[in-house]
Amino acid sequence: MLNPDHLALNLAPQCGIAAAGQHLREHGRSLCHLLEEIDDPLAIDALCDLHNEFEKPVPQPTVIEAALRDIERVLAGQTPSSLDRIGRERNFYASDATRWHGARMSELLVGFTRAG
């Protein structure tokens, strides 16, 4: 007999991959701009990992989840003073963009929570 809970667990990573891919297509440029302004090598590498993973025929959920988690961690670690400085120096809404992208990373990570 088919167990619907088992089916949902198996589909969770695929849904997470699909959502992350769509987000990257729609908002990747904005995220890239933000991460360049923040200038954190871990986050920039994680974004590159995401792009590289989506170039593969079968993206791996663990790689995508790890990259999203690294980006989320970097965004969450930004201090208000550093974001204000970036905003003033570069005429960029760094604080708003960080909150928005951070919230999106958290939402995308929910798609992977049932994977384990």
PDB file of N, CA and C in Angstrom:
ATOM      1  N   MET A   1       0.835  -1.167   0.000  1.00  0.00           N
ATOM      2  CA  MET A   1       0.000   0.000   0.000  1.00  0.00           C
ATOM      3  C   MET A   1       0.890   1.243   0.000  1.00  0.00           C
ATOM      4  N   LEU A   2       0.495   2.241  -0.724  1.00  0.00           N
ATOM      5  CA  LEU A   2       1.248   3.478  -0.838  1.00  0.00           C
ATOM      6  C   LEU A   2       1.032   4.336   0.397  1.00  0.00           C
ATOM      7  N   ASN A   3       2.105   4.722   1.024  1.00  0.00           N
ATOM      8  CA  ASN A   3       2.045   5.570   2.206  1.00  0.00           C
ATOM      9  C   ASN A   3       2.207   7.019   1.764  1.00  0.00           C
ATOM     10  N   PRO A   4       1.166   7.860   1.901  1.00  0.00           N
ATOM     11  CA  PRO A   4       1.261   9.242   1.431  1.00  0.00           C
ATOM     12  C   PRO A   4       2.342  10.047   2.151  1.00  0.00           C
ATOM     13  N   ASP A   5       2.608   9.742   3.427  1.00  0.00           N
ATOM     14  CA  ASP A   5       3.666  10.450   4.136  1.00  0.00           C
ATOM     15  C   ASP A   5       5.025  10.138   3.529  1.00  0.00           C
ATOM     16  N   HIS A   6       5.230   8.877   3.159  1.00  0.00           N
ATOM     17  CA  HIS A   6       6.476   8.473   2.531  1.00  0.00           C
ATOM     18  C   HIS A   6       6.648   9.182   1.187  1.00  0.00           C
ATOM     19  N   LEU A   7       5.583   9.274   0.422  1.00  0.00           N
ATOM     20  CA  LEU A   7       5.627   9.955  -0.872  1.00  0.00           C
ATOM     21  C   LEU A   7       5.981  11.424  -0.684  1.00  0.00           C
ATOM     22  N   ALA A   8       5.379  12.080   0.296  1.00  0.00           N
ATOM     23  CA  ALA A   8       5.669  13.490   0.550  1.00  0.00           C
ATOM     24  C   ALA A   8       7.131  13.683   0.932  1.00  0.00           C
ATOM     25  N   LEU A   9       7.671  12.770   1.726  1.00  0.00           N
ATOM     26  CA  LEU A   9       9.074  12.881   2.112  1.00  0.00           C
ATOM     27  C   LEU A   9       9.989  12.741   0.912  1.00  0.00           C
ATOM     28  N   ASN A  10       9.637  11.866  -0.009  1.00  0.00           N
ATOM     29  CA  ASN A  10      10.469  11.671  -1.189  1.00  0.00           C
ATOM     30  C   ASN A  10      10.400  12.845  -2.147  1.00  0.00           C
ATOM     31  N   LEU A  11       9.269  13.529  -2.186  1.00  0.00           N
ATOM     32  CA  LEU A  11       9.103  14.651  -3.093  1.00  0.00           C
ATOM     33  C   LEU A  11       9.635  15.960  -2.528  1.00  0.00           C
ATOM     34  N   ALA A  12       9.808  16.033  -1.223  1.00  0.00           N
ATOM     35  CA  ALA A  12      10.229  17.278  -0.588  1.00  0.00           C
ATOM     36  C   ALA A  12      11.509  17.855  -1.188  1.00  0.00           C
ATOM     37  N   PRO A  13      12.570  17.057  -1.376  1.00  0.00           N
ATOM     38  CA  PRO A  13      13.785  17.652  -1.939  1.00  0.00           C
ATOM     39  C   PRO A  13      13.575  18.161  -3.363  1.00  0.00           C
ATOM     40  N   GLN A  14      12.757  17.459  -4.139  1.00  0.00           N
ATOM     41  CA  GLN A  14      12.507  17.894  -5.513  1.00  0.00           C
ATOM     42  C   GLN A  14      11.747  19.215  -5.538  1.00  0.00           C
ATOM     43  N   CYS A  15      10.795  19.370  -4.612  1.00  0.00           N
ATOM     44  CA  CYS A  15      10.067  20.635  -4.506  1.00  0.00           C
ATOM     45  C   CYS A  15      11.013  21.756  -4.071  1.00  0.00           C
ATOM     46  N   GLY A  16      11.908  21.438  -3.143  1.00  0.00           N
ATOM     47  CA  GLY A  16      12.889  22.424  -2.701  1.00  0.00           C
ATOM     48  C   GLY A  16      13.819  22.838  -3.826  1.00  0.00           C
ATOM     49  N   ILE A  17      14.251  21.872  -4.630  1.00  0.00           N
ATOM     50  CA  ILE A  17      15.113  22.166  -5.772  1.00  0.00           C
ATOM     51  C   ILE A  17      14.384  23.055  -6.764  1.00  0.00           C
ATOM     52  N   ALA A  18      13.133  22.702  -7.064  1.00  0.00           N
ATOM     53  CA  ALA A  18      12.358  23.482  -8.031  1.00  0.00           C
ATOM     54  C   ALA A  18      12.162  24.917  -7.552  1.00  0.00           C
ATOM     55  N   ALA A  19      11.821  25.083  -6.287  1.00  0.00           N
ATOM     56  CA  ALA A  19      11.601  26.424  -5.738  1.00  0.00           C
ATOM     57  C   ALA A  19      12.893  27.245  -5.749  1.00  0.00           C
ATOM     58  N   ALA A  20      13.994  26.611  -5.386  1.00  0.00           N
ATOM     59  CA  ALA A  20      15.283  27.317  -5.384  1.00  0.00           C
ATOM     60  C   ALA A  20      15.683  27.715  -6.796  1.00  0.00           C
ATOM     61  N   GLY A  21      15.456  26.831  -7.756  1.00  0.00           N
ATOM     62  CA  GLY A  21      15.786  27.145  -9.145  1.00  0.00           C
ATOM     63  C   GLY A  21      14.960  28.294  -9.678  1.00  0.00           C
ATOM     64  N   GLN A  22      13.675  28.288  -9.375  1.00  0.00           N
ATOM     65  CA  GLN A  22      12.811  29.375  -9.822  1.00  0.00           C
ATOM     66  C   GLN A  22      13.240  30.694  -9.181  1.00  0.00           C
ATOM     67  N   HIS A  23      13.537  30.642  -7.885  1.00  0.00           N
ATOM     68  CA  HIS A  23      13.973  31.850  -7.185  1.00  0.00           C
ATOM     69  C   HIS A  23      15.269  32.387  -7.798  1.00  0.00           C
ATOM     70  N   LEU A  24      16.185  31.511  -8.091  1.00  0.00           N
ATOM     71  CA  LEU A  24      17.459  31.927  -8.668  1.00  0.00           C
ATOM     72  C   LEU A  24      17.249  32.567 -10.040  1.00  0.00           C
ATOM     73  N   ARG A  25      16.351  32.001 -10.837  1.00  0.00           N
ATOM     74  CA  ARG A  25      16.066  32.590 -12.150  1.00  0.00           C
ATOM     75  C   ARG A  25      15.422  33.972 -12.022  1.00  0.00           C
ATOM     76  N   GLU A  26      14.518  34.110 -11.073  1.00  0.00           N
ATOM     77  CA  GLU A  26      13.776  35.362 -10.937  1.00  0.00           C
ATOM     78  C   GLU A  26      14.522  36.443 -10.147  1.00  0.00           C
ATOM     79  N   HIS A  27      15.298  36.049  -9.152  1.00  0.00           N
ATOM     80  CA  HIS A  27      15.895  37.020  -8.238  1.00  0.00           C
ATOM     81  C   HIS A  27      17.404  36.859  -8.078  1.00  0.00           C
ATOM     82  N   GLY A  28      18.004  36.014  -8.887  1.00  0.00           N
ATOM     83  CA  GLY A  28      19.439  35.766  -8.774  1.00  0.00           C
ATOM     84  C   GLY A  28      20.290  36.991  -9.005  1.00  0.00           C
ATOM     85  N   ARG A  29      19.878  37.822  -9.932  1.00  0.00           N
ATOM     86  CA  ARG A  29      20.659  39.032 -10.231  1.00  0.00           C
ATOM     87  C   ARG A  29      20.672  39.970  -9.021  1.00  0.00           C
ATOM     88  N   SER A  30      19.512  40.139  -8.404  1.00  0.00           N
ATOM     89  CA  SER A  30      19.413  40.994  -7.222  1.00  0.00           C
ATOM     90  C   SER A  30      20.220  40.415  -6.060  1.00  0.00           C
ATOM     91  N   LEU A  31      20.122  39.100  -5.874  1.00  0.00           N
ATOM     92  CA  LEU A  31      20.885  38.440  -4.817  1.00  0.00           C
ATOM     93  C   LEU A  31      22.386  38.581  -5.072  1.00  0.00           C
ATOM     94  N   CYS A  32      22.781  38.394  -6.294  1.00  0.00           N
ATOM     95  CA  CYS A  32      24.199  38.546  -6.655  1.00  0.00           C
ATOM     96  C   CYS A  32      24.688  39.957  -6.351  1.00  0.00           C
ATOM     97  N   HIS A  33      23.894  40.956  -6.720  1.00  0.00           N
ATOM     98  CA  HIS A  33      24.268  42.343  -6.459  1.00  0.00           C
ATOM     99  C   HIS A  33      24.434  42.579  -4.958  1.00  0.00           C
ATOM    100  N   LEU A  34      23.486  42.075  -4.170  1.00  0.00           N
ATOM    101  CA  LEU A  34      23.570  42.232  -2.718  1.00  0.00           C
ATOM    102  C   LEU A  34      24.831  41.571  -2.169  1.00  0.00           C
ATOM    103  N   LEU A  35      25.091  40.340  -2.584  1.00  0.00           N
ATOM    104  CA  LEU A  35      26.256  39.623  -2.063  1.00  0.00           C
ATOM    105  C   LEU A  35      27.556  40.280  -2.497  1.00  0.00           C
ATOM    106  N   GLU A  36      27.586  40.867  -3.676  1.00  0.00           N
ATOM    107  CA  GLU A  36      28.778  41.613  -4.101  1.00  0.00           C
ATOM    108  C   GLU A  36      28.979  42.844  -3.223  1.00  0.00           C
ATOM    109  N   GLU A  37      27.887  43.510  -2.877  1.00  0.00           N
ATOM    110  CA  GLU A  37      27.992  44.696  -2.019  1.00  0.00           C
ATOM    111  C   GLU A  37      28.445  44.316  -0.613  1.00  0.00           C
ATOM    112  N   ILE A  38      27.926  43.217  -0.098  1.00  0.00           N
ATOM    113  CA  ILE A  38      28.330  42.747   1.233  1.00  0.00           C
ATOM    114  C   ILE A  38      29.775  42.265   1.200  1.00  0.00           C
ATOM    115  N   ASP A  39      30.182  41.713   0.077  1.00  0.00           N
ATOM    116  CA  ASP A  39      31.562  41.280  -0.160  1.00  0.00           C
ATOM    117  C   ASP A  39      32.021  40.222   0.843  1.00  0.00           C
ATOM    118  N   ASP A  40      31.207  39.179   0.965  1.00  0.00           N
ATOM    119  CA  ASP A  40      31.573  38.048   1.814  1.00  0.00           C
ATOM    120  C   ASP A  40      31.892  36.864   0.909  1.00  0.00           C
ATOM    121  N   PRO A  41      33.129  36.372   0.927  1.00  0.00           N
ATOM    122  CA  PRO A  41      33.521  35.288   0.022  1.00  0.00           C
ATOM    123  C   PRO A  41      32.687  34.012   0.186  1.00  0.00           C
ATOM    124  N   LEU A  42      32.281  33.690   1.419  1.00  0.00           N
ATOM    125  CA  LEU A  42      31.481  32.489   1.639  1.00  0.00           C
ATOM    126  C   LEU A  42      30.154  32.580   0.886  1.00  0.00           C
ATOM    127  N   ALA A  43      29.494  33.707   0.973  1.00  0.00           N
ATOM    128  CA  ALA A  43      28.200  33.873   0.312  1.00  0.00           C
ATOM    129  C   ALA A  43      28.351  33.882  -1.203  1.00  0.00           C
ATOM    130  N   ILE A  44      29.374  34.532  -1.690  1.00  0.00           N
ATOM    131  CA  ILE A  44      29.595  34.572  -3.144  1.00  0.00           C
ATOM    132  C   ILE A  44      29.917  33.176  -3.662  1.00  0.00           C
ATOM    133  N   ASP A  45      30.737  32.432  -2.936  1.00  0.00           N
ATOM    134  CA  ASP A  45      31.027  31.043  -3.319  1.00  0.00           C
ATOM    135  C   ASP A  45      29.766  30.190  -3.290  1.00  0.00           C
ATOM    136  N   ALA A  46      28.924  30.409  -2.287  1.00  0.00           N
ATOM    137  CA  ALA A  46      27.675  29.640  -2.180  1.00  0.00           C
ATOM    138  C   ALA A  46      26.760  29.938  -3.362  1.00  0.00           C
ATOM    139  N   LEU A  47      26.693  31.200  -3.775  1.00  0.00           N
ATOM    140  CA  LEU A  47      25.872  31.550  -4.935  1.00  0.00           C
ATOM    141  C   LEU A  47      26.437  30.902  -6.200  1.00  0.00           C
ATOM    142  N   CYS A  48      27.736  30.884  -6.325  1.00  0.00           N
ATOM    143  CA  CYS A  48      28.368  30.199  -7.466  1.00  0.00           C
ATOM    144  C   CYS A  48      28.063  28.702  -7.427  1.00  0.00           C
ATOM    145  N   ASP A  49      28.105  28.113  -6.235  1.00  0.00           N
ATOM    146  CA  ASP A  49      27.753  26.696  -6.101  1.00  0.00           C
ATOM    147  C   ASP A  49      26.325  26.439  -6.557  1.00  0.00           C
ATOM    148  N   LEU A  50      25.413  27.337  -6.181  1.00  0.00           N
ATOM    149  CA  LEU A  50      24.025  27.194  -6.625  1.00  0.00           C
ATOM    150  C   LEU A  50      23.936  27.208  -8.150  1.00  0.00           C
ATOM    151  N   HIS A  51      24.547  28.213  -8.749  1.00  0.00           N
ATOM    152  CA  HIS A  51      24.519  28.316 -10.215  1.00  0.00           C
ATOM    153  C   HIS A  51      25.120  27.066 -10.855  1.00  0.00           C
ATOM    154  N   ASN A  52      26.246  26.618 -10.346  1.00  0.00           N
ATOM    155  CA  ASN A  52      26.902  25.434 -10.905  1.00  0.00           C
ATOM    156  C   ASN A  52      26.038  24.194 -10.747  1.00  0.00           C
ATOM    157  N   GLU A  53      25.377  24.075  -9.625  1.00  0.00           N
ATOM    158  CA  GLU A  53      24.550  22.890  -9.384  1.00  0.00           C
ATOM    159  C   GLU A  53      23.357  22.851 -10.335  1.00  0.00           C
ATOM    160  N   PHE A  54      22.802  24.013 -10.629  1.00  0.00           N
ATOM    161  CA  PHE A  54      21.657  24.052 -11.534  1.00  0.00           C
ATOM    162  C   PHE A  54      22.062  23.867 -12.997  1.00  0.00           C
ATOM    163  N   GLU A  55      23.346  23.893 -13.278  1.00  0.00           N
ATOM    164  CA  GLU A  55      23.829  23.584 -14.621  1.00  0.00           C
ATOM    165  C   GLU A  55      23.892  22.078 -14.861  1.00  0.00           C
ATOM    166  N   LYS A  56      23.854  21.314 -13.786  1.00  0.00           N
ATOM    167  CA  LYS A  56      23.954  19.857 -13.880  1.00  0.00           C
ATOM    168  C   LYS A  56      22.609  19.257 -14.290  1.00  0.00           C
ATOM    169  N   PRO A  57      22.631  18.104 -14.948  1.00  0.00           N
ATOM    170  CA  PRO A  57      21.373  17.460 -15.334  1.00  0.00           C
ATOM    171  C   PRO A  57      20.498  17.085 -14.132  1.00  0.00           C
ATOM    172  N   VAL A  58      21.141  16.675 -13.026  1.00  0.00           N
ATOM    173  CA  VAL A  58      20.397  16.298 -11.821  1.00  0.00           C
ATOM    174  C   VAL A  58      21.020  17.039 -10.628  1.00  0.00           C
ATOM    175  N   PRO A  59      20.461  18.192 -10.291  1.00  0.00           N
ATOM    176  CA  PRO A  59      20.991  18.935  -9.142  1.00  0.00           C
ATOM    177  C   PRO A  59      20.811  18.154  -7.844  1.00  0.00           C
ATOM    178  N   GLN A  60      21.800  18.225  -6.990  1.00  0.00           N
ATOM    179  CA  GLN A  60      21.775  17.496  -5.722  1.00  0.00           C
ATOM    180  C   GLN A  60      21.181  18.363  -4.615  1.00  0.00           C
ATOM    181  N   PRO A  61      20.151  17.855  -3.942  1.00  0.00           N
ATOM    182  CA  PRO A  61      19.513  18.650  -2.892  1.00  0.00           C
ATOM    183  C   PRO A  61      20.465  19.053  -1.766  1.00  0.00           C
ATOM    184  N   THR A  62      21.399  18.195  -1.418  1.00  0.00           N
ATOM    185  CA  THR A  62      22.306  18.523  -0.313  1.00  0.00           C
ATOM    186  C   THR A  62      23.196  19.716  -0.647  1.00  0.00           C
ATOM    187  N   VAL A  63      23.623  19.802  -1.891  1.00  0.00           N
ATOM    188  CA  VAL A  63      24.475  20.920  -2.318  1.00  0.00           C
ATOM    189  C   VAL A  63      23.666  22.215  -2.324  1.00  0.00           C
ATOM    190  N   ILE A  64      22.452  22.131  -2.849  1.00  0.00           N
ATOM    191  CA  ILE A  64      21.597  23.315  -2.920  1.00  0.00           C
ATOM    192  C   ILE A  64      21.232  23.792  -1.521  1.00  0.00           C
ATOM    193  N   GLU A  65      20.858  22.869  -0.657  1.00  0.00           N
ATOM    194  CA  GLU A  65      20.495  23.239   0.706  1.00  0.00           C
ATOM    195  C   GLU A  65      21.680  23.876   1.431  1.00  0.00           C
ATOM    196  N   ALA A  66      22.855  23.301   1.273  1.00  0.00           N
ATOM    197  CA  ALA A  66      24.046  23.851   1.937  1.00  0.00           C
ATOM    198  C   ALA A  66      24.346  25.264   1.442  1.00  0.00           C
ATOM    199  N   ALA A  67      24.216  25.498   0.151  1.00  0.00           N
ATOM    200  CA  ALA A  67      24.472  26.825  -0.409  1.00  0.00           C
ATOM    201  C   ALA A  67      23.452  27.834   0.109  1.00  0.00           C
ATOM    202  N   LEU A  68      22.181  27.448   0.126  1.00  0.00           N
ATOM    203  CA  LEU A  68      21.139  28.338   0.651  1.00  0.00           C
ATOM    204  C   LEU A  68      21.396  28.648   2.123  1.00  0.00           C
ATOM    205  N   ARG A  69      21.806  27.637   2.872  1.00  0.00           N
ATOM    206  CA  ARG A  69      22.072  27.821   4.303  1.00  0.00           C
ATOM    207  C   ARG A  69      23.260  28.770   4.510  1.00  0.00           C
ATOM    208  N   ASP A  70      24.308  28.639   3.691  1.00  0.00           N
ATOM    209  CA  ASP A  70      25.458  29.547   3.804  1.00  0.00           C
ATOM    210  C   ASP A  70      25.053  30.989   3.498  1.00  0.00           C
ATOM    211  N   ILE A  71      24.267  31.166   2.452  1.00  0.00           N
ATOM    212  CA  ILE A  71      23.815  32.517   2.098  1.00  0.00           C
ATOM    213  C   ILE A  71      22.956  33.087   3.221  1.00  0.00           C
ATOM    214  N   GLU A  72      22.030  32.275   3.733  1.00  0.00           N
ATOM    215  CA  GLU A  72      21.165  32.731   4.822  1.00  0.00           C
ATOM    216  C   GLU A  72      22.005  33.131   6.037  1.00  0.00           C
ATOM    217  N   ARG A  73      22.995  32.330   6.363  1.00  0.00           N
ATOM    218  CA  ARG A  73      23.859  32.600   7.524  1.00  0.00           C
ATOM    219  C   ARG A  73      24.615  33.919   7.351  1.00  0.00           C
ATOM    220  N   VAL A  74      25.144  34.146   6.160  1.00  0.00           N
ATOM    221  CA  VAL A  74      25.877  35.390   5.915  1.00  0.00           C
ATOM    222  C   VAL A  74      24.937  36.594   6.008  1.00  0.00           C
ATOM    223  N   LEU A  75      23.760  36.475   5.413  1.00  0.00           N
ATOM    224  CA  LEU A  75      22.818  37.590   5.466  1.00  0.00           C
ATOM    225  C   LEU A  75      22.382  37.867   6.899  1.00  0.00           C
ATOM    226  N   ALA A  76      22.123  36.816   7.670  1.00  0.00           N
ATOM    227  CA  ALA A  76      21.694  36.981   9.060  1.00  0.00           C
ATOM    228  C   ALA A  76      22.795  37.591   9.922  1.00  0.00           C
ATOM    229  N   GLY A  77      24.038  37.400   9.523  1.00  0.00           N
ATOM    230  CA  GLY A  77      25.159  37.899  10.301  1.00  0.00           C
ATOM    231  C   GLY A  77      25.539  39.345  10.031  1.00  0.00           C
ATOM    232  N   GLN A  78      24.843  39.993   9.131  1.00  0.00           N
ATOM    233  CA  GLN A  78      25.170  41.383   8.819  1.00  0.00           C
ATOM    234  C   GLN A  78      24.678  42.304   9.930  1.00  0.00           C
ATOM    235  N   THR A  79      25.511  43.209  10.317  1.00  0.00           N
ATOM    236  CA  THR A  79      25.119  44.160  11.359  1.00  0.00           C
ATOM    237  C   THR A  79      24.393  45.344  10.729  1.00  0.00           C
ATOM    238  N   PRO A  80      23.473  45.929  11.477  1.00  0.00           N
ATOM    239  CA  PRO A  80      22.777  47.104  10.947  1.00  0.00           C
ATOM    240  C   PRO A  80      23.748  48.216  10.552  1.00  0.00           C
ATOM    241  N   SER A  81      24.813  48.400  11.329  1.00  0.00           N
ATOM    242  CA  SER A  81      25.760  49.473  11.005  1.00  0.00           C
ATOM    243  C   SER A  81      26.489  49.208   9.692  1.00  0.00           C
ATOM    244  N   SER A  82      26.851  47.958   9.429  1.00  0.00           N
ATOM    245  CA  SER A  82      27.538  47.677   8.156  1.00  0.00           C
ATOM    246  C   SER A  82      26.579  47.840   6.981  1.00  0.00           C
ATOM    247  N   LEU A  83      25.323  47.442   7.167  1.00  0.00           N
ATOM    248  CA  LEU A  83      24.343  47.613   6.091  1.00  0.00           C
ATOM    249  C   LEU A  83      24.037  49.088   5.858  1.00  0.00           C
ATOM    250  N   ASP A  84      23.977  49.876   6.934  1.00  0.00           N
ATOM    251  CA  ASP A  84      23.774  51.328   6.790  1.00  0.00           C
ATOM    252  C   ASP A  84      24.944  51.964   6.051  1.00  0.00           C
ATOM    253  N   ARG A  85      26.151  51.519   6.387  1.00  0.00           N
ATOM    254  CA  ARG A  85      27.342  52.055   5.710  1.00  0.00           C
ATOM    255  C   ARG A  85      27.297  51.737   4.217  1.00  0.00           C
ATOM    256  N   ILE A  86      26.976  50.491   3.877  1.00  0.00           N
ATOM    257  CA  ILE A  86      26.869  50.101   2.470  1.00  0.00           C
ATOM    258  C   ILE A  86      25.799  50.947   1.784  1.00  0.00           C
ATOM    259  N   GLY A  87      24.688  51.136   2.474  1.00  0.00           N
ATOM    260  CA  GLY A  87      23.604  51.938   1.905  1.00  0.00           C
ATOM    261  C   GLY A  87      24.038  53.364   1.614  1.00  0.00           C
ATOM    262  N   ARG A  88      24.736  53.974   2.537  1.00  0.00           N
ATOM    263  CA  ARG A  88      25.195  55.359   2.356  1.00  0.00           C
ATOM    264  C   ARG A  88      26.273  55.454   1.276  1.00  0.00           C
ATOM    265  N   GLU A  89      27.282  54.592   1.371  1.00  0.00           N
ATOM    266  CA  GLU A  89      28.424  54.679   0.465  1.00  0.00           C
ATOM    267  C   GLU A  89      28.078  54.315  -0.968  1.00  0.00           C
ATOM    268  N   ARG A  90      27.136  53.406  -1.143  1.00  0.00           N
ATOM    269  CA  ARG A  90      26.878  52.884  -2.490  1.00  0.00           C
ATOM    270  C   ARG A  90      25.476  53.198  -2.991  1.00  0.00           C
ATOM    271  N   ASN A  91      24.751  54.002  -2.215  1.00  0.00           N
ATOM    272  CA  ASN A  91      23.398  54.369  -2.595  1.00  0.00           C
ATOM    273  C   ASN A  91      22.578  53.127  -2.947  1.00  0.00           C
ATOM    274  N   PHE A  92      22.555  52.198  -2.011  1.00  0.00           N
ATOM    275  CA  PHE A  92      21.935  50.894  -2.216  1.00  0.00           C
ATOM    276  C   PHE A  92      21.136  50.533  -0.972  1.00  0.00           C
ATOM    277  N   TYR A  93      19.954  50.031  -1.158  1.00  0.00           N
ATOM    278  CA  TYR A  93      19.101  49.653  -0.026  1.00  0.00           C
ATOM    279  C   TYR A  93      19.544  48.305   0.545  1.00  0.00           C
ATOM    280  N   ALA A  94      20.719  48.286   1.117  1.00  0.00           N
ATOM    281  CA  ALA A  94      21.323  47.043   1.598  1.00  0.00           C
ATOM    282  C   ALA A  94      20.523  46.414   2.735  1.00  0.00           C
ATOM    283  N   SER A  95      20.024  47.216   3.637  1.00  0.00           N
ATOM    284  CA  SER A  95      19.283  46.684   4.775  1.00  0.00           C
ATOM    285  C   SER A  95      17.987  46.021   4.314  1.00  0.00           C
ATOM    286  N   ASP A  96      17.234  46.705   3.475  1.00  0.00           N
ATOM    287  CA  ASP A  96      15.979  46.137   2.955  1.00  0.00           C
ATOM    288  C   ASP A  96      16.250  44.888   2.124  1.00  0.00           C
ATOM    289  N   ALA A  97      17.250  44.956   1.273  1.00  0.00           N
ATOM    290  CA  ALA A  97      17.575  43.818   0.410  1.00  0.00           C
ATOM    291  C   ALA A  97      18.030  42.616   1.233  1.00  0.00           C
ATOM    292  N   THR A  98      18.776  42.875   2.295  1.00  0.00           N
ATOM    293  CA  THR A  98      19.251  41.787   3.153  1.00  0.00           C
ATOM    294  C   THR A  98      18.087  41.111   3.866  1.00  0.00           C
ATOM    295  N   ARG A  99      17.177  41.923   4.390  1.00  0.00           N
ATOM    296  CA  ARG A  99      16.004  41.339   5.050  1.00  0.00           C
ATOM    297  C   ARG A  99      15.165  40.538   4.053  1.00  0.00           C
ATOM    298  N   TRP A 100      14.937  41.089   2.873  1.00  0.00           N
ATOM    299  CA  TRP A 100      14.095  40.414   1.890  1.00  0.00           C
ATOM    300  C   TRP A 100      14.736  39.099   1.437  1.00  0.00           C
ATOM    301  N   HIS A 101      15.992  39.162   1.034  1.00  0.00           N
ATOM    302  CA  HIS A 101      16.660  37.943   0.562  1.00  0.00           C
ATOM    303  C   HIS A 101      16.853  36.935   1.692  1.00  0.00           C
ATOM    304  N   GLY A 102      17.115  37.413   2.891  1.00  0.00           N
ATOM    305  CA  GLY A 102      17.241  36.505   4.031  1.00  0.00           C
ATOM    306  C   GLY A 102      15.942  35.756   4.289  1.00  0.00           C
ATOM    307  N   ALA A 103      14.830  36.465   4.201  1.00  0.00           N
ATOM    308  CA  ALA A 103      13.531  35.815   4.384  1.00  0.00           C
ATOM    309  C   ALA A 103      13.273  34.795   3.279  1.00  0.00           C
ATOM    310  N   ARG A 104      13.660  35.117   2.065  1.00  0.00           N
ATOM    311  CA  ARG A 104      13.474  34.171   0.951  1.00  0.00           C
ATOM    312  C   ARG A 104      14.331  32.932   1.150  1.00  0.00           C
ATOM    313  N   MET A 105      15.575  33.112   1.630  1.00  0.00           N
ATOM    314  CA  MET A 105      16.432  31.945   1.873  1.00  0.00           C
ATOM    315  C   MET A 105      15.790  31.041   2.923  1.00  0.00           C
ATOM    316  N   SER A 106      15.241  31.640   3.970  1.00  0.00           N
ATOM    317  CA  SER A 106      14.572  30.854   5.019  1.00  0.00           C
ATOM    318  C   SER A 106      13.385  30.089   4.449  1.00  0.00           C
ATOM    319  N   GLU A 107      12.606  30.751   3.612  1.00  0.00           N
ATOM    320  CA  GLU A 107      11.452  30.088   2.989  1.00  0.00           C
ATOM    321  C   GLU A 107      11.900  28.936   2.099  1.00  0.00           C
ATOM    322  N   LEU A 108      12.946  29.155   1.330  1.00  0.00           N
ATOM    323  CA  LEU A 108      13.432  28.093   0.442  1.00  0.00           C
ATOM    324  C   LEU A 108      13.963  26.912   1.243  1.00  0.00           C
ATOM    325  N   LEU A 109      14.603  27.171   2.353  1.00  0.00           N
ATOM    326  CA  LEU A 109      15.149  26.086   3.170  1.00  0.00           C
ATOM    327  C   LEU A 109      14.040  25.208   3.764  1.00  0.00           C
ATOM    328  N   VAL A 110      12.872  25.763   3.961  1.00  0.00           N
ATOM    329  CA  VAL A 110      11.754  24.963   4.465  1.00  0.00           C
ATOM    330  C   VAL A 110      11.462  23.815   3.501  1.00  0.00           C
ATOM    331  N   GLY A 111      11.670  24.047   2.212  1.00  0.00           N
ATOM    332  CA  GLY A 111      11.447  23.008   1.215  1.00  0.00           C
ATOM    333  C   GLY A 111      12.369  21.804   1.363  1.00  0.00           C
ATOM    334  N   PHE A 112      13.414  21.942   2.138  1.00  0.00           N
ATOM    335  CA  PHE A 112      14.358  20.846   2.335  1.00  0.00           C
ATOM    336  C   PHE A 112      14.217  20.188   3.704  1.00  0.00           C
ATOM    337  N   THR A 113      13.404  20.743   4.588  1.00  0.00           N
ATOM    338  CA  THR A 113      13.338  20.232   5.951  1.00  0.00           C
ATOM    339  C   THR A 113      12.737  18.838   6.028  1.00  0.00           C
ATOM    340  N   ARG A 114      11.882  18.487   5.115  1.00  0.00           N
ATOM    341  CA  ARG A 114      11.274  17.157   5.124  1.00  0.00           C
ATOM    342  C   ARG A 114      12.152  16.136   4.411  1.00  0.00           C
ATOM    343  N   ALA A 115      13.251  16.602   3.856  1.00  0.00           N
ATOM    344  CA  ALA A 115      14.100  15.708   3.068  1.00  0.00           C
ATOM    345  C   ALA A 115      14.812  14.663   3.917  1.00  0.00           C
ATOM    346  N   GLY A 116      15.050  14.971   5.181  1.00  0.00           N
ATOM    347  CA  GLY A 116      15.839  14.078   6.007  1.00  0.00           C
ATOM    348  C   GLY A 116      15.049  13.024   6.658  1.00  0.00           C
TER     349      GLY A 116
END
